[in-house]
């Protein structure tokens, strides 16, 4: 039957680990591995990955404006949505996305302060009304998340932002989950790994969409 499942959250929230948990769950329910597709944003296609490089790299010679950042995010997302996600789900595949549109609401909206009417206008052009079947927000205190991010190594352009930036982002994720509890679920990513895995699995079980059709 196919579905689009997205992991969201701040830096260091453990989205990559959550993607692996979802893949394992789907396979345990009888979904063939070739019918599971993992994507990341920005990125996921040849063109989108080139845009990702621009968005992520620190450029001391030219600072990317918030408006340019927004447009580049949606340019990459448009490529991924129309070239990969929509065709895959139409073929009955399960797409597990490491970030999607909610990240723009959080990062470029709450984080950068861009008005939602501008974001909505660009979204409408880029991806229309596409929404994930299920979004799981991996929630963690920004300070703890940034400690994890620093332990991974060199920080990218987003990860060097101040802690208030990440607090605004976290609050936005939680507020959006409260507004849309039917399709956006929250996992306490500060728990130990086994509790996190169990929380994700419980959400998948109750969602009813992550079973082989």
N, C-alpha and C. Protein backbone atom coordinates (compact mmCIF):
# COMPACT_ATOMS: atom_id res chain seq x y z
N UNK A 1 0.81 -1.21 0.00
CA UNK A 1 0.00 0.00 0.00
C UNK A 1 0.84 1.26 0.00
N UNK A 2 2.03 1.22 0.58
CA UNK A 2 2.93 2.35 0.55
C UNK A 2 2.60 3.41 1.58
N UNK A 3 3.62 4.13 2.03
CA UNK A 3 3.43 5.23 2.98
C UNK A 3 4.69 6.08 3.01
N UNK A 4 4.51 7.32 3.44
CA UNK A 4 5.61 8.26 3.59
C UNK A 4 5.73 8.59 5.07
N UNK A 5 6.82 8.14 5.69
CA UNK A 5 7.05 8.31 7.12
C UNK A 5 8.27 9.21 7.30
N UNK A 6 8.15 10.22 8.14
CA UNK A 6 9.22 11.21 8.28
C UNK A 6 9.71 11.31 9.72
N UNK A 7 11.01 11.43 9.89
CA UNK A 7 11.64 11.72 11.17
C UNK A 7 12.04 13.19 11.19
N UNK A 8 11.66 13.88 12.25
CA UNK A 8 12.03 15.28 12.42
C UNK A 8 12.69 15.47 13.78
N UNK A 9 13.27 16.65 13.98
CA UNK A 9 13.88 16.96 15.27
C UNK A 9 15.08 17.86 15.10
N UNK A 10 15.58 18.36 16.22
CA UNK A 10 16.75 19.23 16.20
C UNK A 10 18.03 18.45 15.97
N UNK A 11 19.15 19.17 16.07
CA UNK A 11 20.45 18.53 15.86
C UNK A 11 20.72 17.53 16.98
N UNK A 12 21.32 16.39 16.61
CA UNK A 12 21.70 15.39 17.59
C UNK A 12 20.55 14.64 18.22
N UNK A 13 19.38 14.65 17.56
CA UNK A 13 18.21 14.01 18.16
C UNK A 13 18.13 12.51 17.90
N UNK A 14 18.99 11.99 17.04
CA UNK A 14 19.00 10.55 16.79
C UNK A 14 18.08 10.11 15.66
N UNK A 15 17.89 10.96 14.66
CA UNK A 15 17.00 10.60 13.55
C UNK A 15 17.53 9.42 12.75
N UNK A 16 18.85 9.35 12.57
CA UNK A 16 19.42 8.24 11.80
C UNK A 16 19.15 6.91 12.48
N UNK A 17 19.28 6.87 13.80
CA UNK A 17 18.96 5.66 14.55
C UNK A 17 17.48 5.31 14.40
N UNK A 18 16.62 6.32 14.43
CA UNK A 18 15.18 6.09 14.29
C UNK A 18 14.83 5.53 12.92
N UNK A 19 15.52 6.00 11.89
CA UNK A 19 15.29 5.47 10.54
C UNK A 19 15.55 3.97 10.52
N UNK A 20 16.64 3.55 11.16
CA UNK A 20 16.98 2.13 11.21
C UNK A 20 15.94 1.33 11.97
N UNK A 21 15.38 1.91 13.04
CA UNK A 21 14.33 1.24 13.81
C UNK A 21 13.09 1.03 12.94
N UNK A 22 12.71 2.04 12.18
CA UNK A 22 11.53 1.93 11.32
C UNK A 22 11.76 0.89 10.24
N UNK A 23 12.93 0.89 9.63
CA UNK A 23 13.24 -0.11 8.60
C UNK A 23 13.10 -1.52 9.19
N UNK A 24 13.68 -1.75 10.36
CA UNK A 24 13.61 -3.06 11.00
C UNK A 24 12.16 -3.45 11.26
N UNK A 25 11.38 -2.49 11.73
CA UNK A 25 9.97 -2.75 12.03
C UNK A 25 9.22 -3.17 10.77
N UNK A 26 9.41 -2.42 9.69
CA UNK A 26 8.71 -2.73 8.45
C UNK A 26 9.06 -4.12 7.94
N UNK A 27 10.34 -4.45 7.99
CA UNK A 27 10.76 -5.78 7.53
C UNK A 27 10.15 -6.86 8.42
N UNK A 28 10.08 -6.59 9.74
CA UNK A 28 9.49 -7.57 10.66
C UNK A 28 8.01 -7.80 10.37
N UNK A 29 7.36 -6.82 9.70
CA UNK A 29 5.95 -6.93 9.35
C UNK A 29 5.75 -7.51 7.95
N UNK A 30 6.85 -7.89 7.31
CA UNK A 30 6.73 -8.54 6.02
C UNK A 30 6.97 -7.66 4.81
N UNK A 31 7.38 -6.42 5.03
CA UNK A 31 7.68 -5.54 3.90
C UNK A 31 9.05 -5.92 3.35
N UNK A 32 9.14 -6.14 2.05
CA UNK A 32 10.41 -6.50 1.42
C UNK A 32 11.38 -5.33 1.49
N UNK A 33 12.66 -5.62 1.69
CA UNK A 33 13.66 -4.56 1.84
C UNK A 33 13.73 -3.67 0.61
N UNK A 34 13.47 -4.26 -0.58
CA UNK A 34 13.51 -3.44 -1.80
C UNK A 34 12.32 -2.50 -1.91
N UNK A 35 11.33 -2.70 -1.05
CA UNK A 35 10.16 -1.80 -1.03
C UNK A 35 10.27 -0.73 0.04
N UNK A 36 11.46 -0.59 0.64
CA UNK A 36 11.71 0.44 1.64
C UNK A 36 12.78 1.37 1.10
N UNK A 37 12.47 2.64 1.05
CA UNK A 37 13.38 3.64 0.51
C UNK A 37 13.68 4.68 1.58
N UNK A 38 14.95 4.96 1.79
CA UNK A 38 15.35 5.98 2.77
C UNK A 38 15.81 7.24 2.04
N UNK A 39 15.34 8.40 2.50
CA UNK A 39 15.73 9.67 1.90
C UNK A 39 16.22 10.61 2.99
N UNK A 40 16.90 11.67 2.58
CA UNK A 40 17.29 12.70 3.52
C UNK A 40 17.08 14.06 2.88
N UNK A 41 16.84 15.05 3.75
CA UNK A 41 16.67 16.42 3.27
C UNK A 41 17.56 17.36 4.07
N UNK A 42 18.12 18.36 3.36
CA UNK A 42 18.08 18.48 1.90
C UNK A 42 18.93 17.39 1.27
N UNK A 43 18.55 16.99 0.07
CA UNK A 43 19.28 15.95 -0.64
C UNK A 43 18.35 14.90 -1.21
N UNK A 44 18.92 13.75 -1.57
CA UNK A 44 18.11 12.64 -2.02
C UNK A 44 18.08 12.41 -3.52
N UNK A 45 18.52 13.39 -4.30
CA UNK A 45 18.71 13.21 -5.74
C UNK A 45 20.05 13.87 -6.09
N UNK A 46 20.53 13.65 -7.29
CA UNK A 46 21.82 14.22 -7.68
C UNK A 46 21.81 15.74 -7.56
N UNK A 47 20.76 16.36 -8.08
CA UNK A 47 20.66 17.82 -8.01
C UNK A 47 20.46 18.29 -6.58
N UNK A 48 19.58 17.61 -5.85
CA UNK A 48 19.30 18.01 -4.47
C UNK A 48 20.53 17.88 -3.58
N UNK A 49 21.39 16.90 -3.85
CA UNK A 49 22.61 16.75 -3.06
C UNK A 49 23.58 17.91 -3.31
N UNK A 50 23.60 18.42 -4.54
CA UNK A 50 24.44 19.59 -4.82
C UNK A 50 23.92 20.81 -4.06
N UNK A 51 22.60 20.94 -3.99
CA UNK A 51 22.02 22.04 -3.22
C UNK A 51 22.33 21.86 -1.74
N UNK A 52 22.31 20.62 -1.27
CA UNK A 52 22.63 20.34 0.14
C UNK A 52 24.01 20.87 0.50
N UNK A 53 24.96 20.69 -0.41
CA UNK A 53 26.32 21.15 -0.16
C UNK A 53 26.34 22.66 0.06
N UNK A 54 25.61 23.39 -0.77
CA UNK A 54 25.55 24.85 -0.63
C UNK A 54 24.93 25.22 0.71
N UNK A 55 23.86 24.53 1.10
CA UNK A 55 23.15 24.85 2.33
C UNK A 55 23.95 24.51 3.58
N UNK A 56 24.73 23.45 3.52
CA UNK A 56 25.41 22.96 4.72
C UNK A 56 26.80 23.57 4.93
N UNK A 57 27.49 23.92 3.86
CA UNK A 57 28.87 24.36 4.02
C UNK A 57 28.96 25.78 4.57
N UNK A 58 29.97 26.01 5.39
CA UNK A 58 30.24 27.35 5.93
C UNK A 58 31.07 28.12 4.90
N UNK A 59 30.57 29.28 4.49
CA UNK A 59 31.25 30.09 3.49
C UNK A 59 31.61 31.44 4.10
N UNK A 60 32.88 31.63 4.48
CA UNK A 60 33.25 32.89 5.13
C UNK A 60 33.21 34.09 4.18
N UNK A 61 33.16 33.83 2.88
CA UNK A 61 33.19 34.93 1.90
C UNK A 61 31.81 35.48 1.60
N UNK A 62 30.78 34.65 1.76
CA UNK A 62 29.42 35.11 1.45
C UNK A 62 28.41 34.40 2.34
N UNK A 63 27.69 35.16 3.11
CA UNK A 63 26.67 34.58 3.99
C UNK A 63 25.38 34.38 3.21
N UNK A 64 24.81 33.19 3.34
CA UNK A 64 23.55 32.87 2.68
C UNK A 64 22.42 33.60 3.38
N UNK A 65 21.58 34.32 2.64
CA UNK A 65 20.46 35.00 3.26
C UNK A 65 19.37 33.99 3.64
N UNK A 66 18.54 34.38 4.57
CA UNK A 66 17.44 33.51 5.00
C UNK A 66 16.50 33.21 3.84
N UNK A 67 16.27 34.22 2.99
CA UNK A 67 15.38 34.04 1.84
C UNK A 67 15.97 33.05 0.83
N UNK A 68 17.27 33.18 0.58
CA UNK A 68 17.93 32.24 -0.34
C UNK A 68 17.92 30.83 0.24
N UNK A 69 18.15 30.73 1.55
CA UNK A 69 18.11 29.44 2.22
C UNK A 69 16.76 28.76 2.03
N UNK A 70 15.68 29.54 2.23
CA UNK A 70 14.34 29.00 2.06
C UNK A 70 14.12 28.47 0.65
N UNK A 71 14.50 29.27 -0.34
CA UNK A 71 14.28 28.88 -1.74
C UNK A 71 15.11 27.65 -2.11
N UNK A 72 16.34 27.59 -1.62
CA UNK A 72 17.17 26.43 -1.90
C UNK A 72 16.62 25.17 -1.25
N UNK A 73 16.11 25.31 -0.03
CA UNK A 73 15.50 24.16 0.65
C UNK A 73 14.35 23.59 -0.18
N UNK A 74 13.52 24.48 -0.69
CA UNK A 74 12.37 24.00 -1.46
C UNK A 74 12.76 23.54 -2.86
N UNK A 75 13.82 24.09 -3.42
CA UNK A 75 14.30 23.58 -4.70
C UNK A 75 14.75 22.13 -4.56
N UNK A 76 15.52 21.86 -3.50
CA UNK A 76 15.96 20.48 -3.24
C UNK A 76 14.78 19.58 -2.95
N UNK A 77 13.83 20.08 -2.16
CA UNK A 77 12.66 19.28 -1.79
C UNK A 77 11.78 18.97 -2.99
N UNK A 78 11.63 19.93 -3.89
CA UNK A 78 10.82 19.71 -5.09
C UNK A 78 11.41 18.57 -5.92
N UNK A 79 12.72 18.56 -6.07
CA UNK A 79 13.37 17.48 -6.83
C UNK A 79 13.11 16.13 -6.17
N UNK A 80 13.28 16.08 -4.85
CA UNK A 80 13.10 14.82 -4.14
C UNK A 80 11.65 14.35 -4.18
N UNK A 81 10.72 15.25 -3.93
CA UNK A 81 9.30 14.89 -3.90
C UNK A 81 8.83 14.37 -5.24
N UNK A 82 9.14 15.09 -6.30
CA UNK A 82 8.58 14.75 -7.61
C UNK A 82 9.36 13.65 -8.33
N UNK A 83 10.65 13.54 -8.03
CA UNK A 83 11.46 12.52 -8.69
C UNK A 83 11.52 11.21 -7.92
N UNK A 84 11.32 11.27 -6.60
CA UNK A 84 11.53 10.08 -5.78
C UNK A 84 10.31 9.71 -4.94
N UNK A 85 9.87 10.61 -4.07
CA UNK A 85 8.87 10.23 -3.05
C UNK A 85 7.52 9.89 -3.66
N UNK A 86 6.95 10.78 -4.46
CA UNK A 86 5.63 10.52 -5.03
C UNK A 86 5.63 9.26 -5.89
N UNK A 87 6.61 9.08 -6.81
CA UNK A 87 6.62 7.84 -7.60
C UNK A 87 6.76 6.58 -6.75
N UNK A 88 7.60 6.64 -5.70
CA UNK A 88 7.82 5.45 -4.86
C UNK A 88 6.56 5.05 -4.12
N UNK A 89 5.89 6.00 -3.49
CA UNK A 89 4.66 5.68 -2.75
C UNK A 89 3.58 5.19 -3.70
N UNK A 90 3.51 5.77 -4.90
CA UNK A 90 2.53 5.32 -5.90
C UNK A 90 2.76 3.87 -6.31
N UNK A 91 4.02 3.42 -6.20
CA UNK A 91 4.35 2.03 -6.52
C UNK A 91 4.19 1.10 -5.32
N UNK A 92 3.66 1.64 -4.21
CA UNK A 92 3.44 0.82 -3.03
C UNK A 92 4.64 0.69 -2.12
N UNK A 93 5.64 1.54 -2.30
CA UNK A 93 6.84 1.48 -1.47
C UNK A 93 6.66 2.33 -0.21
N UNK A 94 7.49 2.02 0.80
CA UNK A 94 7.52 2.79 2.03
C UNK A 94 8.74 3.70 1.99
N UNK A 95 8.51 4.99 2.09
CA UNK A 95 9.60 5.97 2.09
C UNK A 95 9.80 6.47 3.51
N UNK A 96 11.03 6.32 4.01
CA UNK A 96 11.39 6.83 5.34
C UNK A 96 12.26 8.05 5.13
N UNK A 97 11.75 9.21 5.51
CA UNK A 97 12.47 10.45 5.26
C UNK A 97 13.15 11.01 6.51
N UNK A 98 14.44 11.28 6.38
CA UNK A 98 15.17 12.00 7.43
C UNK A 98 14.99 13.48 7.13
N UNK A 99 13.97 14.07 7.73
CA UNK A 99 13.51 15.45 7.57
C UNK A 99 12.61 15.60 6.34
N UNK A 100 11.70 16.57 6.47
CA UNK A 100 10.85 16.98 5.35
C UNK A 100 10.36 18.39 5.63
N UNK A 101 9.14 18.70 5.26
CA UNK A 101 8.66 20.07 5.25
C UNK A 101 8.56 20.71 6.64
N UNK A 102 8.29 19.92 7.66
CA UNK A 102 8.19 20.47 9.01
C UNK A 102 9.50 21.10 9.45
N UNK A 103 10.62 20.60 8.94
CA UNK A 103 11.91 21.20 9.27
C UNK A 103 12.00 22.63 8.77
N UNK A 104 11.39 22.92 7.62
CA UNK A 104 11.41 24.28 7.12
C UNK A 104 10.57 25.20 7.99
N UNK A 105 9.41 24.72 8.43
CA UNK A 105 8.58 25.49 9.35
C UNK A 105 9.38 25.82 10.61
N UNK A 106 10.16 24.83 11.10
CA UNK A 106 10.91 25.02 12.33
C UNK A 106 12.18 25.85 12.12
N UNK A 107 12.98 25.47 11.14
CA UNK A 107 14.28 26.13 10.96
C UNK A 107 14.17 27.50 10.29
N UNK A 108 13.52 27.54 9.13
CA UNK A 108 13.42 28.82 8.42
C UNK A 108 12.30 29.70 8.97
N UNK A 109 11.25 29.08 9.51
CA UNK A 109 10.17 29.85 10.10
C UNK A 109 10.51 30.30 11.51
N UNK A 110 10.46 29.37 12.47
CA UNK A 110 10.73 29.73 13.86
C UNK A 110 12.18 30.15 14.08
N UNK A 111 13.10 29.42 13.46
CA UNK A 111 14.52 29.69 13.67
C UNK A 111 14.98 31.00 13.06
N UNK A 112 14.71 31.16 11.76
CA UNK A 112 15.17 32.35 11.04
C UNK A 112 14.20 33.52 11.13
N UNK A 113 12.95 33.22 11.47
CA UNK A 113 11.97 34.29 11.59
C UNK A 113 11.28 34.68 10.31
N UNK A 114 11.33 33.81 9.29
CA UNK A 114 10.63 34.11 8.04
C UNK A 114 9.13 33.93 8.24
N UNK A 115 8.31 34.83 7.69
CA UNK A 115 6.85 34.75 7.87
C UNK A 115 6.28 33.49 7.24
N UNK A 116 5.27 32.91 7.89
CA UNK A 116 4.68 31.68 7.38
C UNK A 116 3.97 31.87 6.05
N UNK A 117 3.47 33.07 5.76
CA UNK A 117 2.81 33.25 4.47
C UNK A 117 3.80 33.12 3.32
N UNK A 118 5.05 33.54 3.54
CA UNK A 118 6.08 33.37 2.52
C UNK A 118 6.43 31.89 2.35
N UNK A 119 6.56 31.20 3.48
CA UNK A 119 6.87 29.77 3.42
C UNK A 119 5.75 29.01 2.73
N UNK A 120 4.50 29.35 3.07
CA UNK A 120 3.35 28.68 2.46
C UNK A 120 3.32 28.89 0.95
N UNK A 121 3.66 30.10 0.51
CA UNK A 121 3.62 30.40 -0.92
C UNK A 121 4.66 29.58 -1.68
N UNK A 122 5.87 29.48 -1.12
CA UNK A 122 6.92 28.69 -1.79
C UNK A 122 6.58 27.21 -1.74
N UNK A 123 6.05 26.74 -0.61
CA UNK A 123 5.65 25.34 -0.49
C UNK A 123 4.63 24.96 -1.57
N UNK A 124 3.66 25.83 -1.77
CA UNK A 124 2.61 25.55 -2.74
C UNK A 124 3.18 25.33 -4.13
N UNK A 125 4.17 26.12 -4.50
CA UNK A 125 4.82 25.96 -5.81
C UNK A 125 5.65 24.69 -5.85
N UNK A 126 6.39 24.42 -4.78
CA UNK A 126 7.37 23.34 -4.79
C UNK A 126 6.78 21.95 -4.64
N UNK A 127 5.87 21.77 -3.68
CA UNK A 127 5.38 20.41 -3.39
C UNK A 127 3.87 20.33 -3.26
N UNK A 128 3.16 21.44 -3.43
CA UNK A 128 1.70 21.38 -3.31
C UNK A 128 1.26 21.02 -1.91
N UNK A 129 0.26 20.15 -1.80
CA UNK A 129 -0.29 19.81 -0.48
C UNK A 129 0.19 18.46 0.05
N UNK A 130 1.32 17.98 -0.48
CA UNK A 130 1.86 16.71 -0.01
C UNK A 130 2.18 16.76 1.48
N UNK A 131 1.71 15.77 2.22
CA UNK A 131 2.02 15.65 3.64
C UNK A 131 2.40 14.20 3.95
N UNK A 132 3.34 13.99 4.86
CA UNK A 132 3.67 12.62 5.27
C UNK A 132 2.47 11.93 5.88
N UNK A 133 2.42 10.62 5.76
CA UNK A 133 1.38 9.84 6.43
C UNK A 133 1.60 9.84 7.94
N UNK A 134 2.86 9.90 8.33
CA UNK A 134 3.21 9.91 9.75
C UNK A 134 4.51 10.68 9.93
N UNK A 135 4.54 11.56 10.91
CA UNK A 135 5.77 12.28 11.28
C UNK A 135 6.08 11.98 12.72
N UNK A 136 7.33 11.60 12.98
CA UNK A 136 7.80 11.34 14.33
C UNK A 136 8.86 12.39 14.67
N UNK A 137 8.58 13.20 15.67
CA UNK A 137 9.54 14.22 16.12
C UNK A 137 10.40 13.62 17.22
N UNK A 138 11.69 13.56 16.97
CA UNK A 138 12.64 13.10 17.98
C UNK A 138 13.03 14.31 18.83
N UNK A 139 12.48 14.38 20.02
CA UNK A 139 12.62 15.57 20.87
C UNK A 139 13.75 15.41 21.87
N UNK A 140 14.61 16.43 21.91
CA UNK A 140 15.71 16.42 22.86
C UNK A 140 16.02 17.86 23.27
N UNK A 141 16.48 18.04 24.50
CA UNK A 141 16.91 19.37 24.94
C UNK A 141 18.02 19.86 23.99
N UNK A 142 17.94 21.10 23.51
CA UNK A 142 18.93 21.58 22.55
C UNK A 142 20.38 21.44 23.03
N UNK A 143 20.61 21.68 24.32
CA UNK A 143 21.98 21.57 24.83
C UNK A 143 22.50 20.13 24.69
N UNK A 144 21.65 19.16 25.01
CA UNK A 144 22.05 17.76 24.89
C UNK A 144 22.25 17.37 23.43
N UNK A 145 21.38 17.86 22.57
CA UNK A 145 21.50 17.56 21.16
C UNK A 145 22.78 18.12 20.57
N UNK A 146 23.14 19.33 20.96
CA UNK A 146 24.36 19.94 20.44
C UNK A 146 25.61 19.24 20.97
N UNK A 147 25.56 18.70 22.18
CA UNK A 147 26.69 17.92 22.67
C UNK A 147 26.89 16.69 21.78
N UNK A 148 25.79 16.04 21.42
CA UNK A 148 25.89 14.89 20.51
C UNK A 148 26.44 15.31 19.17
N UNK A 149 25.95 16.44 18.64
CA UNK A 149 26.40 16.92 17.33
C UNK A 149 27.89 17.22 17.35
N UNK A 150 28.36 17.85 18.41
CA UNK A 150 29.80 18.17 18.50
C UNK A 150 30.63 16.91 18.58
N UNK A 151 30.10 15.88 19.23
CA UNK A 151 30.84 14.62 19.33
C UNK A 151 30.99 13.91 17.99
N UNK A 152 30.10 14.25 17.04
CA UNK A 152 30.19 13.65 15.71
C UNK A 152 31.34 14.22 14.89
N UNK A 153 31.80 15.39 15.25
CA UNK A 153 32.90 16.00 14.50
C UNK A 153 32.58 17.40 14.05
N UNK A 154 33.11 17.79 12.90
CA UNK A 154 33.00 19.15 12.39
C UNK A 154 31.53 19.56 12.22
N UNK A 155 31.18 20.75 12.72
CA UNK A 155 29.81 21.22 12.66
C UNK A 155 29.54 21.93 11.33
N UNK A 156 28.31 21.73 10.79
CA UNK A 156 27.96 22.39 9.54
C UNK A 156 27.41 23.79 9.82
N UNK A 157 26.93 24.46 8.78
CA UNK A 157 26.50 25.86 8.89
C UNK A 157 25.33 26.04 9.86
N UNK A 158 24.45 25.06 9.93
CA UNK A 158 23.31 25.15 10.85
C UNK A 158 23.74 24.87 12.29
N UNK A 159 24.63 23.91 12.44
CA UNK A 159 25.00 23.45 13.78
C UNK A 159 25.83 24.46 14.57
N UNK A 160 26.32 25.49 13.91
CA UNK A 160 27.10 26.51 14.63
C UNK A 160 26.22 27.67 15.11
N UNK A 161 24.90 27.57 14.88
CA UNK A 161 24.00 28.61 15.35
C UNK A 161 23.95 28.63 16.88
N UNK A 162 23.48 29.75 17.45
CA UNK A 162 23.42 29.87 18.91
C UNK A 162 22.28 29.02 19.48
N UNK A 163 22.34 28.79 20.78
CA UNK A 163 21.40 27.87 21.42
C UNK A 163 19.97 28.38 21.37
N UNK A 164 19.76 29.68 21.34
CA UNK A 164 18.40 30.22 21.24
C UNK A 164 17.74 29.83 19.93
N UNK A 165 18.52 29.77 18.87
CA UNK A 165 18.03 29.32 17.57
C UNK A 165 17.43 27.93 17.70
N UNK A 166 18.13 27.04 18.38
CA UNK A 166 17.67 25.67 18.52
C UNK A 166 16.51 25.54 19.51
N UNK A 167 16.44 26.44 20.48
CA UNK A 167 15.29 26.43 21.38
C UNK A 167 14.01 26.83 20.64
N UNK A 168 14.13 27.81 19.75
CA UNK A 168 12.96 28.21 18.94
C UNK A 168 12.52 27.05 18.05
N UNK A 169 13.47 26.36 17.50
CA UNK A 169 13.17 25.22 16.63
C UNK A 169 12.46 24.12 17.42
N UNK A 170 13.00 23.80 18.59
CA UNK A 170 12.38 22.75 19.40
C UNK A 170 10.95 23.11 19.76
N UNK A 171 10.74 24.34 20.19
CA UNK A 171 9.39 24.77 20.56
C UNK A 171 8.44 24.66 19.38
N UNK A 172 8.93 24.98 18.20
CA UNK A 172 8.08 24.90 17.01
C UNK A 172 7.67 23.46 16.73
N UNK A 173 8.63 22.53 16.79
CA UNK A 173 8.30 21.12 16.58
C UNK A 173 7.22 20.66 17.56
N UNK A 174 7.39 21.02 18.83
CA UNK A 174 6.44 20.58 19.86
C UNK A 174 5.08 21.24 19.66
N UNK A 175 5.08 22.51 19.28
CA UNK A 175 3.81 23.20 19.04
C UNK A 175 3.06 22.59 17.86
N UNK A 176 3.78 22.26 16.80
CA UNK A 176 3.15 21.65 15.62
C UNK A 176 2.60 20.27 15.96
N UNK A 177 3.32 19.53 16.79
CA UNK A 177 2.83 18.21 17.21
C UNK A 177 1.55 18.35 18.03
N UNK A 178 1.49 19.38 18.87
CA UNK A 178 0.30 19.61 19.66
C UNK A 178 -0.89 20.01 18.79
N UNK A 179 -0.61 20.72 17.70
CA UNK A 179 -1.67 21.16 16.79
C UNK A 179 -2.17 20.02 15.91
N UNK A 180 -1.32 19.04 15.61
CA UNK A 180 -1.69 17.96 14.69
C UNK A 180 -1.36 16.59 15.33
N UNK A 181 -2.00 16.27 16.46
CA UNK A 181 -1.64 15.03 17.15
C UNK A 181 -2.01 13.77 16.39
N UNK A 182 -2.86 13.89 15.37
CA UNK A 182 -3.24 12.72 14.60
C UNK A 182 -2.12 12.23 13.68
N UNK A 183 -1.27 13.15 13.23
CA UNK A 183 -0.24 12.75 12.26
C UNK A 183 1.18 13.12 12.67
N UNK A 184 1.36 13.85 13.78
CA UNK A 184 2.70 14.19 14.27
C UNK A 184 2.83 13.68 15.70
N UNK A 185 3.74 12.74 15.91
CA UNK A 185 3.96 12.13 17.23
C UNK A 185 5.33 12.53 17.75
N UNK A 186 5.48 12.55 19.06
CA UNK A 186 6.72 12.97 19.70
C UNK A 186 7.34 11.83 20.49
N UNK A 187 8.65 11.65 20.31
CA UNK A 187 9.42 10.66 21.08
C UNK A 187 10.46 11.40 21.91
N UNK A 188 10.56 11.05 23.18
CA UNK A 188 11.59 11.62 24.04
C UNK A 188 12.93 10.99 23.67
N UNK A 189 13.71 11.71 22.87
CA UNK A 189 14.98 11.17 22.38
C UNK A 189 16.09 11.25 23.42
N UNK A 190 15.79 11.81 24.57
CA UNK A 190 16.78 11.85 25.65
C UNK A 190 16.79 10.59 26.49
N UNK A 191 15.85 9.68 26.23
CA UNK A 191 15.81 8.41 26.95
C UNK A 191 16.96 7.51 26.50
N UNK A 192 17.16 6.40 27.22
CA UNK A 192 18.14 5.43 26.75
C UNK A 192 17.64 4.79 25.46
N UNK A 193 18.56 4.20 24.72
CA UNK A 193 18.27 3.72 23.37
C UNK A 193 17.12 2.72 23.33
N UNK A 194 17.06 1.81 24.28
CA UNK A 194 16.01 0.80 24.26
C UNK A 194 14.63 1.43 24.45
N UNK A 195 14.54 2.44 25.30
CA UNK A 195 13.26 3.13 25.48
C UNK A 195 12.86 3.89 24.22
N UNK A 196 13.85 4.50 23.57
CA UNK A 196 13.57 5.21 22.32
C UNK A 196 13.05 4.25 21.26
N UNK A 197 13.71 3.12 21.10
CA UNK A 197 13.26 2.12 20.13
C UNK A 197 11.84 1.66 20.43
N UNK A 198 11.55 1.42 21.71
CA UNK A 198 10.22 0.96 22.10
C UNK A 198 9.17 2.03 21.82
N UNK A 199 9.51 3.28 22.06
CA UNK A 199 8.57 4.37 21.82
C UNK A 199 8.23 4.49 20.33
N UNK A 200 9.26 4.38 19.49
CA UNK A 200 9.04 4.45 18.04
C UNK A 200 8.18 3.28 17.58
N UNK A 201 8.49 2.09 18.07
CA UNK A 201 7.73 0.90 17.68
C UNK A 201 6.28 1.02 18.11
N UNK A 202 6.04 1.54 19.30
CA UNK A 202 4.65 1.72 19.77
C UNK A 202 3.88 2.67 18.86
N UNK A 203 4.53 3.73 18.42
CA UNK A 203 3.88 4.68 17.51
C UNK A 203 3.55 4.00 16.19
N UNK A 204 4.48 3.23 15.68
CA UNK A 204 4.24 2.54 14.41
C UNK A 204 3.09 1.54 14.54
N UNK A 205 3.06 0.84 15.66
CA UNK A 205 1.99 -0.15 15.88
C UNK A 205 0.62 0.53 15.90
N UNK A 206 0.54 1.66 16.60
CA UNK A 206 -0.75 2.33 16.75
C UNK A 206 -1.16 3.10 15.50
N UNK A 207 -0.20 3.41 14.62
CA UNK A 207 -0.52 4.20 13.42
C UNK A 207 -1.35 3.41 12.40
N UNK A 208 -1.10 2.10 12.34
CA UNK A 208 -1.84 1.29 11.39
C UNK A 208 -1.41 1.41 9.94
N UNK A 209 -0.35 2.18 9.67
CA UNK A 209 0.06 2.36 8.27
C UNK A 209 1.31 1.57 7.92
N UNK A 210 1.99 1.06 8.94
CA UNK A 210 3.28 0.44 8.69
C UNK A 210 3.20 -1.08 8.66
N UNK A 211 2.25 -1.57 7.91
CA UNK A 211 2.13 -3.01 7.72
C UNK A 211 2.10 -3.31 6.24
N UNK A 212 2.55 -4.46 5.89
CA UNK A 212 2.54 -4.86 4.49
C UNK A 212 1.13 -4.98 3.99
N UNK A 213 0.89 -4.44 2.81
CA UNK A 213 -0.45 -4.53 2.26
C UNK A 213 -0.56 -5.60 1.22
